[in-house]
Amino acid sequence: VIAVEDADILATMTMPYTKPQERRFASIHSNPPGIPTEIPALLAKKRG
């Protein structure tokens, strides 16, 4: 996770429903996406 300004955010992070240490699950075979965030996952930024 980074803090950045004045960047073109191309993708944000979506978290799964559960964290690894939790004793619950959302799907038997996978860890599907469930919690959207505004954290940058892919971006482009002009420099010079």
ModelCIF file with pLDDT and N, C-alpha, C, O atoms, coordinates in Angstrom:
data_MODEL
#
_entry.id   MODEL 
#
_entity.id                         1 
_entity.type                       polymer 
_entity.pdbx_number_of_molecules   1 
#
_entity_poly.entity_id                      1 
_entity_poly.type                           'polypeptide(L)' 
_entity_poly.nstd_linkage                   no 
_entity_poly.nstd_monomer                   no 
_entity_poly.pdbx_seq_one_letter_code       VIAVEDADILATMTMPYTKPQERRFASIHSNPPGIPTEIPALLAKKRG 
_entity_poly.pdbx_seq_one_letter_code_can   VIAVEDADILATMTMPYTKPQERRFASIHSNPPGIPTEIPALLAKKRG 
_entity_poly.pdbx_strand_id                 A 
#
loop_
_entity_poly_seq.entity_id 
_entity_poly_seq.num 
_entity_poly_seq.mon_id 
_entity_poly_seq.hetero 
1 1  VAL n 
1 2  ILE n 
1 3  ALA n 
1 4  VAL n 
1 5  GLU n 
1 6  ASP n 
1 7  ALA n 
1 8  ASP n 
1 9  ILE n 
1 10 LEU n 
1 11 ALA n 
1 12 THR n 
1 13 MET n 
1 14 THR n 
1 15 MET n 
1 16 PRO n 
1 17 TYR n 
1 18 THR n 
1 19 LYS n 
1 20 PRO n 
1 21 GLN n 
1 22 GLU n 
1 23 ARG n 
1 24 ARG n 
1 25 PHE n 
1 26 ALA n 
1 27 SER n 
1 28 ILE n 
1 29 HIS n 
1 30 SER n 
1 31 ASN n 
1 32 PRO n 
1 33 PRO n 
1 34 GLY n 
1 35 ILE n 
1 36 PRO n 
1 37 THR n 
1 38 GLU n 
1 39 ILE n 
1 40 PRO n 
1 41 ALA n 
1 42 LEU n 
1 43 LEU n 
1 44 ALA n 
1 45 LYS n 
1 46 LYS n 
1 47 ARG n 
1 48 GLY n 
#
_struct_asym.id          A 
_struct_asym.entity_id   1 
#
loop_
_ma_qa_metric.id 
_ma_qa_metric.mode 
_ma_qa_metric.name 
_ma_qa_metric.software_group_id 
_ma_qa_metric.type 
1 global pLDDT . pLDDT 
2 local  pLDDT . pLDDT 
#
_ma_qa_metric_global.metric_id      1 
_ma_qa_metric_global.metric_value   92.35 
_ma_qa_metric_global.model_id       1 
_ma_qa_metric_global.ordinal_id     1 
#
loop_
_ma_qa_metric_local.label_asym_id 
_ma_qa_metric_local.label_comp_id 
_ma_qa_metric_local.label_seq_id 
_ma_qa_metric_local.metric_id 
_ma_qa_metric_local.metric_value 
_ma_qa_metric_local.model_id 
_ma_qa_metric_local.ordinal_id 
A VAL 1  2 98.00 1 1  
A ILE 2  2 98.00 1 2  
A ALA 3  2 98.00 1 3  
A VAL 4  2 98.00 1 4  
A GLU 5  2 97.00 1 5  
A ASP 6  2 97.00 1 6  
A ALA 7  2 98.00 1 7  
A ASP 8  2 98.00 1 8  
A ILE 9  2 98.00 1 9  
A LEU 10 2 98.00 1 10 
A ALA 11 2 98.00 1 11 
A THR 12 2 98.00 1 12 
A MET 13 2 98.00 1 13 
A THR 14 2 98.00 1 14 
A MET 15 2 97.00 1 15 
A PRO 16 2 94.00 1 16 
A TYR 17 2 91.00 1 17 
A THR 18 2 88.00 1 18 
A LYS 19 2 84.00 1 19 
A PRO 20 2 80.00 1 20 
A GLN 21 2 79.00 1 21 
A GLU 22 2 78.00 1 22 
A ARG 23 2 78.00 1 23 
A ARG 24 2 80.00 1 24 
A PHE 25 2 78.00 1 25 
A ALA 26 2 79.00 1 26 
A SER 27 2 82.00 1 27 
A ILE 28 2 79.00 1 28 
A HIS 29 2 80.00 1 29 
A SER 30 2 83.00 1 30 
A ASN 31 2 86.00 1 31 
A PRO 32 2 92.00 1 32 
A PRO 33 2 94.00 1 33 
A GLY 34 2 93.00 1 34 
A ILE 35 2 96.00 1 35 
A PRO 36 2 98.00 1 36 
A THR 37 2 98.00 1 37 
A GLU 38 2 98.00 1 38 
A ILE 39 2 98.00 1 39 
A PRO 40 2 98.00 1 40 
A ALA 41 2 98.00 1 41 
A LEU 42 2 98.00 1 42 
A LEU 43 2 98.00 1 43 
A ALA 44 2 98.00 1 44 
A LYS 45 2 98.00 1 45 
A LYS 46 2 98.00 1 46 
A ARG 47 2 97.00 1 47 
A GLY 48 2 97.00 1 48 
#
loop_
_atom_site.group_PDB 
_atom_site.id 
_atom_site.type_symbol 
_atom_site.label_atom_id 
_atom_site.label_alt_id 
_atom_site.label_comp_id 
_atom_site.label_asym_id 
_atom_site.label_entity_id 
_atom_site.label_seq_id 
_atom_site.pdbx_PDB_ins_code 
_atom_site.Cartn_x 
_atom_site.Cartn_y 
_atom_site.Cartn_z 
_atom_site.occupancy 
_atom_site.B_iso_or_equiv 
_atom_site.pdbx_formal_charge 
_atom_site.auth_seq_id 
_atom_site.auth_comp_id 
_atom_site.auth_asym_id 
_atom_site.auth_atom_id 
_atom_site.pdbx_PDB_model_num 
ATOM 1   N N  . VAL A 1 1  ? 0.864   -1.178  0.000   1.00 98.00 ? 1  VAL A N  1 
ATOM 2   C CA . VAL A 1 1  ? 0.000   0.000   0.000   1.00 98.00 ? 1  VAL A CA 1 
ATOM 3   C C  . VAL A 1 1  ? 0.899   1.227   0.000   1.00 98.00 ? 1  VAL A C  1 
ATOM 4   O O  . VAL A 1 1  ? 1.808   1.330   0.824   1.00 98.00 ? 1  VAL A O  1 
ATOM 5   N N  . ILE A 1 2  ? 0.653   2.162   -0.923  1.00 98.00 ? 2  ILE A N  1 
ATOM 6   C CA . ILE A 1 2  ? 1.457   3.370   -0.987  1.00 98.00 ? 2  ILE A CA 1 
ATOM 7   C C  . ILE A 1 2  ? 0.554   4.602   -0.928  1.00 98.00 ? 2  ILE A C  1 
ATOM 8   O O  . ILE A 1 2  ? -0.631  4.539   -1.256  1.00 98.00 ? 2  ILE A O  1 
ATOM 9   N N  . ALA A 1 3  ? 1.134   5.711   -0.507  1.00 98.00 ? 3  ALA A N  1 
ATOM 10  C CA . ALA A 1 3  ? 0.453   7.011   -0.535  1.00 98.00 ? 3  ALA A CA 1 
ATOM 11  C C  . ALA A 1 3  ? 1.051   7.808   -1.686  1.00 98.00 ? 3  ALA A C  1 
ATOM 12  O O  . ALA A 1 3  ? 2.258   8.046   -1.718  1.00 98.00 ? 3  ALA A O  1 
ATOM 13  N N  . VAL A 1 4  ? 0.205   8.225   -2.636  1.00 98.00 ? 4  VAL A N  1 
ATOM 14  C CA . VAL A 1 4  ? 0.686   8.925   -3.820  1.00 98.00 ? 4  VAL A CA 1 
ATOM 15  C C  . VAL A 1 4  ? -0.354  9.956   -4.252  1.00 98.00 ? 4  VAL A C  1 
ATOM 16  O O  . VAL A 1 4  ? -1.553  9.753   -4.061  1.00 98.00 ? 4  VAL A O  1 
ATOM 17  N N  . GLU A 1 5  ? 0.108   11.061  -4.832  1.00 97.00 ? 5  GLU A N  1 
ATOM 18  C CA . GLU A 1 5  ? -0.784  12.111  -5.305  1.00 97.00 ? 5  GLU A CA 1 
ATOM 19  C C  . GLU A 1 5  ? -0.536  12.377  -6.780  1.00 97.00 ? 5  GLU A C  1 
ATOM 20  O O  . GLU A 1 5  ? 0.515   12.038  -7.324  1.00 97.00 ? 5  GLU A O  1 
ATOM 21  N N  . ASP A 1 6  ? -1.535  12.998  -7.421  1.00 97.00 ? 6  ASP A N  1 
ATOM 22  C CA . ASP A 1 6  ? -1.420  13.450  -8.810  1.00 97.00 ? 6  ASP A CA 1 
ATOM 23  C C  . ASP A 1 6  ? -1.067  12.318  -9.773  1.00 97.00 ? 6  ASP A C  1 
ATOM 24  O O  . ASP A 1 6  ? -0.288  12.506  -10.708 1.00 97.00 ? 6  ASP A O  1 
ATOM 25  N N  . ALA A 1 7  ? -1.641  11.157  -9.537  1.00 98.00 ? 7  ALA A N  1 
ATOM 26  C CA . ALA A 1 7  ? -1.408  10.004  -10.416 1.00 98.00 ? 7  ALA A CA 1 
ATOM 27  C C  . ALA A 1 7  ? -2.720  9.589   -11.063 1.00 98.00 ? 7  ALA A C  1 
ATOM 28  O O  . ALA A 1 7  ? -3.798  9.800   -10.507 1.00 98.00 ? 7  ALA A O  1 
ATOM 29  N N  . ASP A 1 8  ? -2.611  8.998   -12.240 1.00 98.00 ? 8  ASP A N  1 
ATOM 30  C CA . ASP A 1 8  ? -3.783  8.434   -12.912 1.00 98.00 ? 8  ASP A CA 1 
ATOM 31  C C  . ASP A 1 8  ? -3.956  7.002   -12.400 1.00 98.00 ? 8  ASP A C  1 
ATOM 32  O O  . ASP A 1 8  ? -3.195  6.110   -12.776 1.00 98.00 ? 8  ASP A O  1 
ATOM 33  N N  . ILE A 1 9  ? -4.940  6.789   -11.556 1.00 98.00 ? 9  ILE A N  1 
ATOM 34  C CA . ILE A 1 9  ? -5.155  5.476   -10.951 1.00 98.00 ? 9  ILE A CA 1 
ATOM 35  C C  . ILE A 1 9  ? -5.857  4.586   -11.968 1.00 98.00 ? 9  ILE A C  1 
ATOM 36  O O  . ILE A 1 9  ? -6.997  4.848   -12.351 1.00 98.00 ? 9  ILE A O  1 
ATOM 37  N N  . LEU A 1 10 ? -5.170  3.533   -12.403 1.00 98.00 ? 10 LEU A N  1 
ATOM 38  C CA . LEU A 1 10 ? -5.697  2.631   -13.428 1.00 98.00 ? 10 LEU A CA 1 
ATOM 39  C C  . LEU A 1 10 ? -6.451  1.456   -12.819 1.00 98.00 ? 10 LEU A C  1 
ATOM 40  O O  . LEU A 1 10 ? -7.305  0.857   -13.472 1.00 98.00 ? 10 LEU A O  1 
ATOM 41  N N  . ALA A 1 11 ? -6.140  1.127   -11.581 1.00 98.00 ? 11 ALA A N  1 
ATOM 42  C CA . ALA A 1 11 ? -6.845  0.041   -10.877 1.00 98.00 ? 11 ALA A CA 1 
ATOM 43  C C  . ALA A 1 11 ? -6.684  0.242   -9.388  1.00 98.00 ? 11 ALA A C  1 
ATOM 44  O O  . ALA A 1 11 ? -5.666  0.753   -8.922  1.00 98.00 ? 11 ALA A O  1 
ATOM 45  N N  . THR A 1 12 ? -7.699  -0.166  -8.644  1.00 98.00 ? 12 THR A N  1 
ATOM 46  C CA . THR A 1 12 ? -7.648  -0.123  -7.191  1.00 98.00 ? 12 THR A CA 1 
ATOM 47  C C  . THR A 1 12 ? -7.728  -1.540  -6.637  1.00 98.00 ? 12 THR A C  1 
ATOM 48  O O  . THR A 1 12 ? -8.069  -2.483  -7.351  1.00 98.00 ? 12 THR A O  1 
ATOM 49  N N  . MET A 1 13 ? -7.407  -1.672  -5.354  1.00 98.00 ? 13 MET A N  1 
ATOM 50  C CA . MET A 1 13 ? -7.411  -2.995  -4.728  1.00 98.00 ? 13 MET A CA 1 
ATOM 51  C C  . MET A 1 13 ? -8.817  -3.351  -4.250  1.00 98.00 ? 13 MET A C  1 
ATOM 52  O O  . MET A 1 13 ? -9.505  -2.549  -3.618  1.00 98.00 ? 13 MET A O  1 
ATOM 53  N N  . THR A 1 14 ? -9.214  -4.562  -4.568  1.00 98.00 ? 14 THR A N  1 
ATOM 54  C CA . THR A 1 14 ? -10.419 -5.151  -3.996  1.00 98.00 ? 14 THR A CA 1 
ATOM 55  C C  . THR A 1 14 ? -9.991  -6.327  -3.130  1.00 98.00 ? 14 THR A C  1 
ATOM 56  O O  . THR A 1 14 ? -9.304  -7.236  -3.596  1.00 98.00 ? 14 THR A O  1 
ATOM 57  N N  . MET A 1 15 ? -10.404 -6.301  -1.868  1.00 97.00 ? 15 MET A N  1 
ATOM 58  C CA . MET A 1 15 ? -9.998  -7.339  -0.931  1.00 97.00 ? 15 MET A CA 1 
ATOM 59  C C  . MET A 1 15 ? -10.990 -8.505  -0.952  1.00 97.00 ? 15 MET A C  1 
ATOM 60  O O  . MET A 1 15 ? -12.166 -8.309  -1.261  1.00 97.00 ? 15 MET A O  1 
ATOM 61  N N  . PRO A 1 16 ? -10.533 -9.698  -0.630  1.00 94.00 ? 16 PRO A N  1 
ATOM 62  C CA . PRO A 1 16 ? -11.463 -10.820 -0.484  1.00 94.00 ? 16 PRO A CA 1 
ATOM 63  C C  . PRO A 1 16 ? -12.317 -10.634 0.769   1.00 94.00 ? 16 PRO A C  1 
ATOM 64  O O  . PRO A 1 16 ? -12.039 -9.766  1.596   1.00 94.00 ? 16 PRO A O  1 
ATOM 65  N N  . TYR A 1 17 ? -13.335 -11.438 0.899   1.00 91.00 ? 17 TYR A N  1 
ATOM 66  C CA . TYR A 1 17 ? -14.239 -11.320 2.046   1.00 91.00 ? 17 TYR A CA 1 
ATOM 67  C C  . TYR A 1 17 ? -13.537 -11.610 3.371   1.00 91.00 ? 17 TYR A C  1 
ATOM 68  O O  . TYR A 1 17 ? -13.910 -11.066 4.410   1.00 91.00 ? 17 TYR A O  1 
ATOM 69  N N  . THR A 1 18 ? -12.534 -12.459 3.327   1.00 88.00 ? 18 THR A N  1 
ATOM 70  C CA . THR A 1 18 ? -11.898 -12.868 4.576   1.00 88.00 ? 18 THR A CA 1 
ATOM 71  C C  . THR A 1 18 ? -10.385 -12.707 4.496   1.00 88.00 ? 18 THR A C  1 
ATOM 72  O O  . THR A 1 18 ? -9.802  -12.628 3.414   1.00 88.00 ? 18 THR A O  1 
ATOM 73  N N  . LYS A 1 19 ? -9.764  -12.660 5.681   1.00 84.00 ? 19 LYS A N  1 
ATOM 74  C CA . LYS A 1 19 ? -8.312  -12.598 5.804   1.00 84.00 ? 19 LYS A CA 1 
ATOM 75  C C  . LYS A 1 19 ? -7.779  -13.986 6.169   1.00 84.00 ? 19 LYS A C  1 
ATOM 76  O O  . LYS A 1 19 ? -8.520  -14.810 6.707   1.00 84.00 ? 19 LYS A O  1 
ATOM 77  N N  . PRO A 1 20 ? -6.506  -14.250 5.883   1.00 80.00 ? 20 PRO A N  1 
ATOM 78  C CA . PRO A 1 20 ? -5.971  -15.612 6.100   1.00 80.00 ? 20 PRO A CA 1 
ATOM 79  C C  . PRO A 1 20 ? -6.121  -16.114 7.533   1.00 80.00 ? 20 PRO A C  1 
ATOM 80  O O  . PRO A 1 20 ? -6.342  -17.306 7.752   1.00 80.00 ? 20 PRO A O  1 
ATOM 81  N N  . GLN A 1 21 ? -6.001  -15.200 8.526   1.00 79.00 ? 21 GLN A N  1 
ATOM 82  C CA . GLN A 1 21 ? -6.045  -15.654 9.923   1.00 79.00 ? 21 GLN A CA 1 
ATOM 83  C C  . GLN A 1 21 ? -7.456  -15.871 10.450  1.00 79.00 ? 21 GLN A C  1 
ATOM 84  O O  . GLN A 1 21 ? -7.631  -16.358 11.567  1.00 79.00 ? 21 GLN A O  1 
ATOM 85  N N  . GLU A 1 22 ? -8.464  -15.516 9.657   1.00 78.00 ? 22 GLU A N  1 
ATOM 86  C CA . GLU A 1 22 ? -9.842  -15.673 10.110  1.00 78.00 ? 22 GLU A CA 1 
ATOM 87  C C  . GLU A 1 22 ? -10.316 -17.120 9.952   1.00 78.00 ? 22 GLU A C  1 
ATOM 88  O O  . GLU A 1 22 ? -9.957  -17.799 8.990   1.00 78.00 ? 22 GLU A O  1 
ATOM 89  N N  . ARG A 1 23 ? -11.116 -17.576 10.898  1.00 78.00 ? 23 ARG A N  1 
ATOM 90  C CA . ARG A 1 23 ? -11.614 -18.945 10.867  1.00 78.00 ? 23 ARG A CA 1 
ATOM 91  C C  . ARG A 1 23 ? -13.017 -18.982 10.243  1.00 78.00 ? 23 ARG A C  1 
ATOM 92  O O  . ARG A 1 23 ? -13.948 -19.551 10.814  1.00 78.00 ? 23 ARG A O  1 
ATOM 93  N N  . ARG A 1 24 ? -13.145 -18.371 9.079   1.00 80.00 ? 24 ARG A N  1 
ATOM 94  C CA . ARG A 1 24 ? -14.383 -18.412 8.329   1.00 80.00 ? 24 ARG A CA 1 
ATOM 95  C C  . ARG A 1 24 ? -14.023 -18.326 6.848   1.00 80.00 ? 24 ARG A C  1 
ATOM 96  O O  . ARG A 1 24 ? -12.891 -17.989 6.499   1.00 80.00 ? 24 ARG A O  1 
ATOM 97  N N  . PHE A 1 25 ? -14.962 -18.623 5.999   1.00 78.00 ? 25 PHE A N  1 
ATOM 98  C CA . PHE A 1 25 ? -14.677 -18.585 4.575   1.00 78.00 ? 25 PHE A CA 1 
ATOM 99  C C  . PHE A 1 25 ? -15.912 -18.145 3.807   1.00 78.00 ? 25 PHE A C  1 
ATOM 100 O O  . PHE A 1 25 ? -17.039 -18.245 4.291   1.00 78.00 ? 25 PHE A O  1 
ATOM 101 N N  . ALA A 1 26 ? -15.665 -17.645 2.573   1.00 79.00 ? 26 ALA A N  1 
ATOM 102 C CA . ALA A 1 26 ? -16.757 -17.176 1.733   1.00 79.00 ? 26 ALA A CA 1 
ATOM 103 C C  . ALA A 1 26 ? -17.036 -18.150 0.593   1.00 79.00 ? 26 ALA A C  1 
ATOM 104 O O  . ALA A 1 26 ? -18.108 -18.120 -0.011  1.00 79.00 ? 26 ALA A O  1 
ATOM 105 N N  . SER A 1 27 ? -16.068 -19.009 0.306   1.00 82.00 ? 27 SER A N  1 
ATOM 106 C CA . SER A 1 27 ? -16.226 -19.983 -0.779  1.00 82.00 ? 27 SER A CA 1 
ATOM 107 C C  . SER A 1 27 ? -15.337 -21.175 -0.466  1.00 82.00 ? 27 SER A C  1 
ATOM 108 O O  . SER A 1 27 ? -14.237 -21.014 0.063   1.00 82.00 ? 27 SER A O  1 
ATOM 109 N N  . ILE A 1 28 ? -15.811 -22.361 -0.790  1.00 79.00 ? 28 ILE A N  1 
ATOM 110 C CA . ILE A 1 28 ? -15.043 -23.560 -0.428  1.00 79.00 ? 28 ILE A CA 1 
ATOM 111 C C  . ILE A 1 28 ? -13.791 -23.719 -1.274  1.00 79.00 ? 28 ILE A C  1 
ATOM 112 O O  . ILE A 1 28 ? -12.796 -24.270 -0.805  1.00 79.00 ? 28 ILE A O  1 
ATOM 113 N N  . HIS A 1 29 ? -13.825 -23.243 -2.516  1.00 80.00 ? 29 HIS A N  1 
ATOM 114 C CA . HIS A 1 29 ? -12.719 -23.491 -3.429  1.00 80.00 ? 29 HIS A CA 1 
ATOM 115 C C  . HIS A 1 29 ? -11.854 -22.265 -3.708  1.00 80.00 ? 29 HIS A C  1 
ATOM 116 O O  . HIS A 1 29 ? -10.785 -22.408 -4.302  1.00 80.00 ? 29 HIS A O  1 
ATOM 117 N N  . SER A 1 30 ? -12.273 -21.073 -3.306  1.00 83.00 ? 30 SER A N  1 
ATOM 118 C CA . SER A 1 30 ? -11.520 -19.874 -3.676  1.00 83.00 ? 30 SER A CA 1 
ATOM 119 C C  . SER A 1 30 ? -11.707 -18.796 -2.625  1.00 83.00 ? 30 SER A C  1 
ATOM 120 O O  . SER A 1 30 ? -12.416 -18.981 -1.635  1.00 83.00 ? 30 SER A O  1 
ATOM 121 N N  . ASN A 1 31 ? -11.057 -17.666 -2.860  1.00 86.00 ? 31 ASN A N  1 
ATOM 122 C CA . ASN A 1 31 ? -11.187 -16.528 -1.962  1.00 86.00 ? 31 ASN A CA 1 
ATOM 123 C C  . ASN A 1 31 ? -11.667 -15.346 -2.797  1.00 86.00 ? 31 ASN A C  1 
ATOM 124 O O  . ASN A 1 31 ? -10.864 -14.488 -3.164  1.00 86.00 ? 31 ASN A O  1 
ATOM 125 N N  . PRO A 1 32 ? -12.959 -15.286 -3.102  1.00 92.00 ? 32 PRO A N  1 
ATOM 126 C CA . PRO A 1 32 ? -13.468 -14.336 -4.095  1.00 92.00 ? 32 PRO A CA 1 
ATOM 127 C C  . PRO A 1 32 ? -13.398 -12.890 -3.631  1.00 92.00 ? 32 PRO A C  1 
ATOM 128 O O  . PRO A 1 32 ? -13.354 -12.625 -2.429  1.00 92.00 ? 32 PRO A O  1 
ATOM 129 N N  . PRO A 1 33 ? -13.386 -11.939 -4.590  1.00 94.00 ? 33 PRO A N  1 
ATOM 130 C CA . PRO A 1 33 ? -13.356 -10.519 -4.243  1.00 94.00 ? 33 PRO A CA 1 
ATOM 131 C C  . PRO A 1 33 ? -14.663 -10.084 -3.600  1.00 94.00 ? 33 PRO A C  1 
ATOM 132 O O  . PRO A 1 33 ? -15.744 -10.517 -3.997  1.00 94.00 ? 33 PRO A O  1 
ATOM 133 N N  . GLY A 1 34 ? -14.541 -9.206  -2.585  1.00 93.00 ? 34 GLY A N  1 
ATOM 134 C CA . GLY A 1 34 ? -15.761 -8.804  -1.916  1.00 93.00 ? 34 GLY A CA 1 
ATOM 135 C C  . GLY A 1 34 ? -15.755 -7.409  -1.357  1.00 93.00 ? 34 GLY A C  1 
ATOM 136 O O  . GLY A 1 34 ? -16.824 -6.829  -1.167  1.00 93.00 ? 34 GLY A O  1 
ATOM 137 N N  . ILE A 1 35 ? -14.558 -6.825  -1.074  1.00 96.00 ? 35 ILE A N  1 
ATOM 138 C CA . ILE A 1 35 ? -14.497 -5.535  -0.392  1.00 96.00 ? 35 ILE A CA 1 
ATOM 139 C C  . ILE A 1 35 ? -13.698 -4.547  -1.237  1.00 96.00 ? 35 ILE A C  1 
ATOM 140 O O  . ILE A 1 35 ? -12.468 -4.583  -1.218  1.00 96.00 ? 35 ILE A O  1 
ATOM 141 N N  . PRO A 1 36 ? -14.361 -3.678  -1.968  1.00 98.00 ? 36 PRO A N  1 
ATOM 142 C CA . PRO A 1 36 ? -13.635 -2.684  -2.777  1.00 98.00 ? 36 PRO A CA 1 
ATOM 143 C C  . PRO A 1 36 ? -12.974 -1.630  -1.898  1.00 98.00 ? 36 PRO A C  1 
ATOM 144 O O  . PRO A 1 36 ? -13.466 -1.312  -0.815  1.00 98.00 ? 36 PRO A O  1 
ATOM 145 N N  . THR A 1 37 ? -11.859 -1.092  -2.374  1.00 98.00 ? 37 THR A N  1 
ATOM 146 C CA . THR A 1 37 ? -11.162 -0.015  -1.662  1.00 98.00 ? 37 THR A CA 1 
ATOM 147 C C  . THR A 1 37 ? -10.729 1.040   -2.672  1.00 98.00 ? 37 THR A C  1 
ATOM 148 O O  . THR A 1 37 ? -10.920 0.871   -3.876  1.00 98.00 ? 37 THR A O  1 
ATOM 149 N N  . GLU A 1 38 ? -10.148 2.124   -2.181  1.00 98.00 ? 38 GLU A N  1 
ATOM 150 C CA . GLU A 1 38 ? -9.577  3.169   -3.028  1.00 98.00 ? 38 GLU A CA 1 
ATOM 151 C C  . GLU A 1 38 ? -8.054  3.079   -3.076  1.00 98.00 ? 38 GLU A C  1 
ATOM 152 O O  . GLU A 1 38 ? -7.400  4.004   -3.559  1.00 98.00 ? 38 GLU A O  1 
ATOM 153 N N  . ILE A 1 39 ? -7.485  1.996   -2.591  1.00 98.00 ? 39 ILE A N  1 
ATOM 154 C CA . ILE A 1 39 ? -6.030  1.854   -2.545  1.00 98.00 ? 39 ILE A CA 1 
ATOM 155 C C  . ILE A 1 39 ? -5.502  1.596   -3.966  1.00 98.00 ? 39 ILE A C  1 
ATOM 156 O O  . ILE A 1 39 ? -5.992  0.686   -4.635  1.00 98.00 ? 39 ILE A O  1 
ATOM 157 N N  . PRO A 1 40 ? -4.520  2.371   -4.442  1.00 98.00 ? 40 PRO A N  1 
ATOM 158 C CA . PRO A 1 40 ? -4.003  2.171   -5.800  1.00 98.00 ? 40 PRO A CA 1 
ATOM 159 C C  . PRO A 1 40 ? -3.330  0.812   -5.969  1.00 98.00 ? 40 PRO A C  1 
ATOM 160 O O  . PRO A 1 40 ? -2.513  0.397   -5.147  1.00 98.00 ? 40 PRO A O  1 
ATOM 161 N N  . ALA A 1 41 ? -3.691  0.136   -7.047  1.00 98.00 ? 41 ALA A N  1 
ATOM 162 C CA . ALA A 1 41 ? -3.052  -1.139  -7.388  1.00 98.00 ? 41 ALA A CA 1 
ATOM 163 C C  . ALA A 1 41 ? -2.233  -1.016  -8.661  1.00 98.00 ? 41 ALA A C  1 
ATOM 164 O O  . ALA A 1 41 ? -1.236  -1.717  -8.834  1.00 98.00 ? 41 ALA A O  1 
ATOM 165 N N  . LEU A 1 42 ? -2.650  -0.130  -9.547  1.00 98.00 ? 42 LEU A N  1 
ATOM 166 C CA . LEU A 1 42 ? -1.939  0.127   -10.799 1.00 98.00 ? 42 LEU A CA 1 
ATOM 167 C C  . LEU A 1 42 ? -2.154  1.593   -11.140 1.00 98.00 ? 42 LEU A C  1 
ATOM 168 O O  . LEU A 1 42 ? -3.279  2.090   -11.095 1.00 98.00 ? 42 LEU A O  1 
ATOM 169 N N  . LEU A 1 43 ? -1.055  2.292   -11.487 1.00 98.00 ? 43 LEU A N  1 
ATOM 170 C CA . LEU A 1 43 ? -1.182  3.719   -11.764 1.00 98.00 ? 43 LEU A CA 1 
ATOM 171 C C  . LEU A 1 43 ? -0.139  4.161   -12.764 1.00 98.00 ? 43 LEU A C  1 
ATOM 172 O O  . LEU A 1 43 ? 0.837   3.459   -13.031 1.00 98.00 ? 43 LEU A O  1 
ATOM 173 N N  . ALA A 1 44 ? -0.369  5.343   -13.311 1.00 98.00 ? 44 ALA A N  1 
ATOM 174 C CA . ALA A 1 44 ? 0.592   5.997   -14.190 1.00 98.00 ? 44 ALA A CA 1 
ATOM 175 C C  . ALA A 1 44 ? 0.748   7.433   -13.718 1.00 98.00 ? 44 ALA A C  1 
ATOM 176 O O  . ALA A 1 44 ? -0.221  8.080   -13.319 1.00 98.00 ? 44 ALA A O  1 
ATOM 177 N N  . LYS A 1 45 ? 1.985   7.924   -13.769 1.00 98.00 ? 45 LYS A N  1 
ATOM 178 C CA . LYS A 1 45 ? 2.231   9.288   -13.315 1.00 98.00 ? 45 LYS A CA 1 
ATOM 179 C C  . LYS A 1 45 ? 3.268   9.947   -14.211 1.00 98.00 ? 45 LYS A C  1 
ATOM 180 O O  . LYS A 1 45 ? 4.306   9.364   -14.523 1.00 98.00 ? 45 LYS A O  1 
ATOM 181 N N  . LYS A 1 46 ? 2.969   11.160  -14.613 1.00 98.00 ? 46 LYS A N  1 
ATOM 182 C CA . LYS A 1 46 ? 3.903   11.928  -15.415 1.00 98.00 ? 46 LYS A CA 1 
ATOM 183 C C  . LYS A 1 46 ? 5.043   12.421  -14.530 1.00 98.00 ? 46 LYS A C  1 
ATOM 184 O O  . LYS A 1 46 ? 4.840   12.831  -13.387 1.00 98.00 ? 46 LYS A O  1 
ATOM 185 N N  . ARG A 1 47 ? 6.235   12.368  -15.088 1.00 97.00 ? 47 ARG A N  1 
ATOM 186 C CA . ARG A 1 47 ? 7.398   12.959  -14.413 1.00 97.00 ? 47 ARG A CA 1 
ATOM 187 C C  . ARG A 1 47 ? 8.276   13.563  -15.484 1.00 97.00 ? 47 ARG A C  1 
ATOM 188 O O  . ARG A 1 47 ? 8.764   12.855  -16.365 1.00 97.00 ? 47 ARG A O  1 
ATOM 189 N N  . GLY A 1 48 ? 8.482   14.867  -15.416 1.00 97.00 ? 48 GLY A N  1 
ATOM 190 C CA . GLY A 1 48 ? 9.223   15.520  -16.481 1.00 97.00 ? 48 GLY A CA 1 
ATOM 191 C C  . GLY A 1 48 ? 8.498   15.311  -17.797 1.00 97.00 ? 48 GLY A C  1 
ATOM 192 O O  . GLY A 1 48 ? 8.957   15.784  -18.837 1.00 97.00 ? 48 GLY A O  1 
#
